[in-house]
Amino acid sequence: MRNPNPILSINEYKEIVYANPAAKALLTSIPGCNNELNALLPKNLHEVIQHLKKQTKQVIKIEHQLKSKTLLCEFHRLDDVNQVDVHIVDITEQKIAKDELYYQAFEYSDMPKYFKTFFHDVIRDKTIQCIYDSMWRTIN
């Protein structure tokens, strides 16, 4: 196996033309997917690819939920072969760790309510700014 990370290649007709062994292994590790490789991709695949083709940037990252897994799909536009490669990372454990850390920091801690509210607002504002910046870079 050359690449330990799941990779799918999608042609101009939105058909999966290649799946490496890691993609197939990820699929079989998720119960209820019926060995359908399309399950590894977001449901709005057509819109994502259309958006990718319209922008100057050649990469888009999309998070999506598949059963109990959270997957990060990185779409790479390959103009020379008229296809899109999708690199997939299972970020389920990272998301769980982030949620647990957030809970411990703000919900469970002995920190005074004022500080909890202040830090919560700072994190919310920074998150909104990061989302806005990310969207702005994607659009431009």
C-alpha atoms as a PDB file:
ATOM      1  CA  MET A   1       0.000   0.000   0.000  1.00  0.00           C
ATOM      2  CA  ARG A   2       1.595   3.267  -1.122  1.00  0.00           C
ATOM      3  CA  ASN A   3      -0.560   5.767   0.748  1.00  0.00           C
ATOM      4  CA  PRO A   4      -2.021   4.829   4.136  1.00  0.00           C
ATOM      5  CA  ASN A   5      -4.723   7.499   3.784  1.00  0.00           C
ATOM      6  CA  PRO A   6      -7.958   6.941   1.863  1.00  0.00           C
ATOM      7  CA  ILE A   7      -7.979   8.466  -1.625  1.00  0.00           C
ATOM      8  CA  LEU A   8     -10.764   8.491  -4.207  1.00  0.00           C
ATOM      9  CA  SER A   9     -10.562   9.776  -7.781  1.00  0.00           C
ATOM     10  CA  ILE A  10     -13.702  11.185  -9.377  1.00  0.00           C
ATOM     11  CA  ASN A  11     -14.068  11.750 -13.132  1.00  0.00           C
ATOM     12  CA  GLU A  12     -15.945  14.551 -14.917  1.00  0.00           C
ATOM     13  CA  TYR A  13     -19.191  12.535 -14.656  1.00  0.00           C
ATOM     14  CA  LYS A  14     -18.910  12.454 -10.828  1.00  0.00           C
ATOM     15  CA  GLU A  15     -18.131   8.715 -10.925  1.00  0.00           C
ATOM     16  CA  ILE A  16     -15.517   7.162  -8.673  1.00  0.00           C
ATOM     17  CA  VAL A  17     -12.869   5.776 -11.012  1.00  0.00           C
ATOM     18  CA  TYR A  18     -10.281   4.848  -8.385  1.00  0.00           C
ATOM     19  CA  ALA A  19     -10.243   3.975  -4.699  1.00  0.00           C
ATOM     20  CA  ASN A  20      -7.024   2.986  -2.963  1.00  0.00           C
ATOM     21  CA  PRO A  21      -6.959   0.092  -0.461  1.00  0.00           C
ATOM     22  CA  ALA A  22      -7.092   2.514   2.481  1.00  0.00           C
ATOM     23  CA  ALA A  23     -10.421   3.915   1.227  1.00  0.00           C
ATOM     24  CA  LYS A  24     -11.857   0.431   0.988  1.00  0.00           C
ATOM     25  CA  ALA A  25     -10.546  -0.415   4.472  1.00  0.00           C
ATOM     26  CA  LEU A  26     -12.141   2.733   5.944  1.00  0.00           C
ATOM     27  CA  LEU A  27     -15.429   1.859   4.282  1.00  0.00           C
ATOM     28  CA  THR A  28     -15.478  -1.669   5.698  1.00  0.00           C
ATOM     29  CA  SER A  29     -14.714  -0.290   9.185  1.00  0.00           C
ATOM     30  CA  ILE A  30     -17.997   1.669   9.180  1.00  0.00           C
ATOM     31  CA  PRO A  31     -21.029  -0.591   9.709  1.00  0.00           C
ATOM     32  CA  GLY A  32     -24.052  -0.027   7.499  1.00  0.00           C
ATOM     33  CA  CYS A  33     -22.308   1.497   4.465  1.00  0.00           C
ATOM     34  CA  ASN A  34     -22.917  -1.561   2.258  1.00  0.00           C
ATOM     35  CA  ASN A  35     -19.485  -1.179   0.633  1.00  0.00           C
ATOM     36  CA  GLU A  36     -20.691   1.915  -1.239  1.00  0.00           C
ATOM     37  CA  LEU A  37     -17.657   4.129  -1.815  1.00  0.00           C
ATOM     38  CA  ASN A  38     -19.955   7.116  -2.393  1.00  0.00           C
ATOM     39  CA  ALA A  39     -20.796   6.943   1.325  1.00  0.00           C
ATOM     40  CA  LEU A  40     -17.325   8.336   2.077  1.00  0.00           C
ATOM     41  CA  LEU A  41     -18.190  11.526   0.223  1.00  0.00           C
ATOM     42  CA  PRO A  42     -20.456  14.384   1.343  1.00  0.00           C
ATOM     43  CA  LYS A  43     -24.029  14.240   0.102  1.00  0.00           C
ATOM     44  CA  ASN A  44     -23.593  17.588  -1.677  1.00  0.00           C
ATOM     45  CA  LEU A  45     -20.727  16.222  -3.805  1.00  0.00           C
ATOM     46  CA  HIS A  46     -21.997  17.822  -7.026  1.00  0.00           C
ATOM     47  CA  GLU A  47     -22.128  21.292  -5.448  1.00  0.00           C
ATOM     48  CA  VAL A  48     -18.675  20.894  -3.907  1.00  0.00           C
ATOM     49  CA  ILE A  49     -17.137  19.908  -7.247  1.00  0.00           C
ATOM     50  CA  GLN A  50     -18.951  22.718  -9.089  1.00  0.00           C
ATOM     51  CA  HIS A  51     -17.663  25.220  -6.518  1.00  0.00           C
ATOM     52  CA  LEU A  52     -14.137  23.797  -6.817  1.00  0.00           C
ATOM     53  CA  LYS A  53     -14.216  24.155 -10.612  1.00  0.00           C
ATOM     54  CA  LYS A  54     -15.355  27.794 -10.429  1.00  0.00           C
ATOM     55  CA  GLN A  55     -12.709  29.046  -8.025  1.00  0.00           C
ATOM     56  CA  THR A  56      -9.039  29.742  -8.642  1.00  0.00           C
ATOM     57  CA  LYS A  57      -7.965  27.789  -5.580  1.00  0.00           C
ATOM     58  CA  GLN A  58      -7.485  24.110  -6.420  1.00  0.00           C
ATOM     59  CA  VAL A  59      -8.313  22.639  -2.991  1.00  0.00           C
ATOM     60  CA  ILE A  60     -11.454  22.608  -0.814  1.00  0.00           C
ATOM     61  CA  LYS A  61     -11.754  20.961   2.600  1.00  0.00           C
ATOM     62  CA  ILE A  62     -15.155  19.680   3.731  1.00  0.00           C
ATOM     63  CA  GLU A  63     -16.063  17.967   7.001  1.00  0.00           C
ATOM     64  CA  HIS A  64     -18.961  15.563   7.022  1.00  0.00           C
ATOM     65  CA  GLN A  65     -20.575  13.017   9.280  1.00  0.00           C
ATOM     66  CA  LEU A  66     -20.851   9.374   8.236  1.00  0.00           C
ATOM     67  CA  LYS A  67     -22.600   7.222  10.818  1.00  0.00           C
ATOM     68  CA  SER A  68     -20.429   7.544  13.945  1.00  0.00           C
ATOM     69  CA  LYS A  69     -17.413   8.955  12.052  1.00  0.00           C
ATOM     70  CA  THR A  70     -16.426  12.505  11.244  1.00  0.00           C
ATOM     71  CA  LEU A  71     -14.492  12.649   7.990  1.00  0.00           C
ATOM     72  CA  LEU A  72     -12.432  15.476   6.570  1.00  0.00           C
ATOM     73  CA  CYS A  73     -12.458  15.362   2.765  1.00  0.00           C
ATOM     74  CA  GLU A  74      -9.873  17.404   0.913  1.00  0.00           C
ATOM     75  CA  PHE A  75     -10.888  17.870  -2.733  1.00  0.00           C
ATOM     76  CA  HIS A  76      -8.029  18.481  -5.192  1.00  0.00           C
ATOM     77  CA  ARG A  77      -8.878  19.688  -8.685  1.00  0.00           C
ATOM     78  CA  LEU A  78      -6.673  18.037 -11.333  1.00  0.00           C
ATOM     79  CA  ASP A  79      -7.275  20.050 -14.482  1.00  0.00           C
ATOM     80  CA  ASP A  80      -4.780  18.153 -16.640  1.00  0.00           C
ATOM     81  CA  VAL A  81      -6.742  14.873 -16.314  1.00  0.00           C
ATOM     82  CA  ASN A  82     -10.184  16.450 -15.786  1.00  0.00           C
ATOM     83  CA  GLN A  83     -10.828  14.792 -12.443  1.00  0.00           C
ATOM     84  CA  VAL A  84     -10.894  15.455  -8.722  1.00  0.00           C
ATOM     85  CA  ASP A  85      -8.922  13.513  -6.152  1.00  0.00           C
ATOM     86  CA  VAL A  86     -10.376  13.297  -2.663  1.00  0.00           C
ATOM     87  CA  HIS A  87      -8.055  12.703   0.273  1.00  0.00           C
ATOM     88  CA  ILE A  88      -9.994  11.525   3.332  1.00  0.00           C
ATOM     89  CA  VAL A  89      -8.989  11.669   6.977  1.00  0.00           C
ATOM     90  CA  ASP A  90     -10.991  10.221   9.856  1.00  0.00           C
ATOM     91  CA  ILE A  91     -10.994  13.050  12.418  1.00  0.00           C
ATOM     92  CA  THR A  92     -13.515  11.439  14.786  1.00  0.00           C
ATOM     93  CA  GLU A  93     -11.080  11.143  17.690  1.00  0.00           C
ATOM     94  CA  GLN A  94      -9.874  14.724  17.222  1.00  0.00           C
ATOM     95  CA  LYS A  95     -13.454  16.018  17.324  1.00  0.00           C
ATOM     96  CA  ILE A  96     -14.219  13.987  20.457  1.00  0.00           C
ATOM     97  CA  ALA A  97     -11.044  15.251  22.160  1.00  0.00           C
ATOM     98  CA  LYS A  98     -11.902  18.846  21.220  1.00  0.00           C
ATOM     99  CA  ASP A  99     -15.429  18.479  22.618  1.00  0.00           C
ATOM    100  CA  GLU A 100     -14.124  16.918  25.835  1.00  0.00           C
ATOM    101  CA  LEU A 101     -11.530  19.662  26.249  1.00  0.00           C
ATOM    102  CA  TYR A 102     -14.184  22.308  25.706  1.00  0.00           C
ATOM    103  CA  TYR A 103     -16.436  20.651  28.284  1.00  0.00           C
ATOM    104  CA  GLN A 104     -13.638  20.419  30.846  1.00  0.00           C
ATOM    105  CA  ALA A 105     -12.590  24.010  30.255  1.00  0.00           C
ATOM    106  CA  PHE A 106     -15.984  25.662  30.369  1.00  0.00           C
ATOM    107  CA  GLU A 107     -18.628  23.396  31.803  1.00  0.00           C
ATOM    108  CA  TYR A 108     -16.880  21.334  34.419  1.00  0.00           C
ATOM    109  CA  SER A 109     -14.159  23.628  35.738  1.00  0.00           C
ATOM    110  CA  ASP A 110     -14.256  25.626  38.965  1.00  0.00           C
ATOM    111  CA  MET A 111     -13.597  28.801  37.008  1.00  0.00           C
ATOM    112  CA  PRO A 112     -15.844  31.700  38.077  1.00  0.00           C
ATOM    113  CA  LYS A 113     -18.847  32.246  35.827  1.00  0.00           C
ATOM    114  CA  TYR A 114     -17.566  35.629  34.643  1.00  0.00           C
ATOM    115  CA  PHE A 115     -14.372  34.074  33.245  1.00  0.00           C
ATOM    116  CA  LYS A 116     -16.266  31.180  31.668  1.00  0.00           C
ATOM    117  CA  THR A 117     -18.533  33.648  29.879  1.00  0.00           C
ATOM    118  CA  PHE A 118     -15.600  35.813  28.817  1.00  0.00           C
ATOM    119  CA  PHE A 119     -13.551  32.906  27.429  1.00  0.00           C
ATOM    120  CA  HIS A 120     -16.625  31.392  25.785  1.00  0.00           C
ATOM    121  CA  ASP A 121     -17.266  34.703  24.003  1.00  0.00           C
ATOM    122  CA  VAL A 122     -13.621  34.994  22.919  1.00  0.00           C
ATOM    123  CA  ILE A 123     -13.622  31.464  21.510  1.00  0.00           C
ATOM    124  CA  ARG A 124     -16.971  32.064  19.771  1.00  0.00           C
ATOM    125  CA  ASP A 125     -15.690  35.289  18.213  1.00  0.00           C
ATOM    126  CA  LYS A 126     -12.420  33.687  17.100  1.00  0.00           C
ATOM    127  CA  THR A 127     -14.310  30.704  15.653  1.00  0.00           C
ATOM    128  CA  ILE A 128     -16.637  32.998  13.718  1.00  0.00           C
ATOM    129  CA  GLN A 129     -13.638  34.972  12.449  1.00  0.00           C
ATOM    130  CA  CYS A 130     -11.857  31.773  11.345  1.00  0.00           C
ATOM    131  CA  ILE A 131     -14.973  30.575   9.521  1.00  0.00           C
ATOM    132  CA  TYR A 132     -15.389  33.969   7.872  1.00  0.00           C
ATOM    133  CA  ASP A 133     -11.699  34.079   6.855  1.00  0.00           C
ATOM    134  CA  SER A 134     -11.896  30.535   5.496  1.00  0.00           C
ATOM    135  CA  MET A 135     -15.030  31.339   3.485  1.00  0.00           C
ATOM    136  CA  TRP A 136     -13.441  34.547   2.189  1.00  0.00           C
ATOM    137  CA  ARG A 137     -10.315  32.674   1.037  1.00  0.00           C
ATOM    138  CA  THR A 138     -12.500  29.998  -0.616  1.00  0.00           C
ATOM    139  CA  ILE A 139     -14.574  32.605  -2.475  1.00  0.00           C
ATOM    140  CA  ASN A 140     -11.551  34.601  -3.598  1.00  0.00           C
END
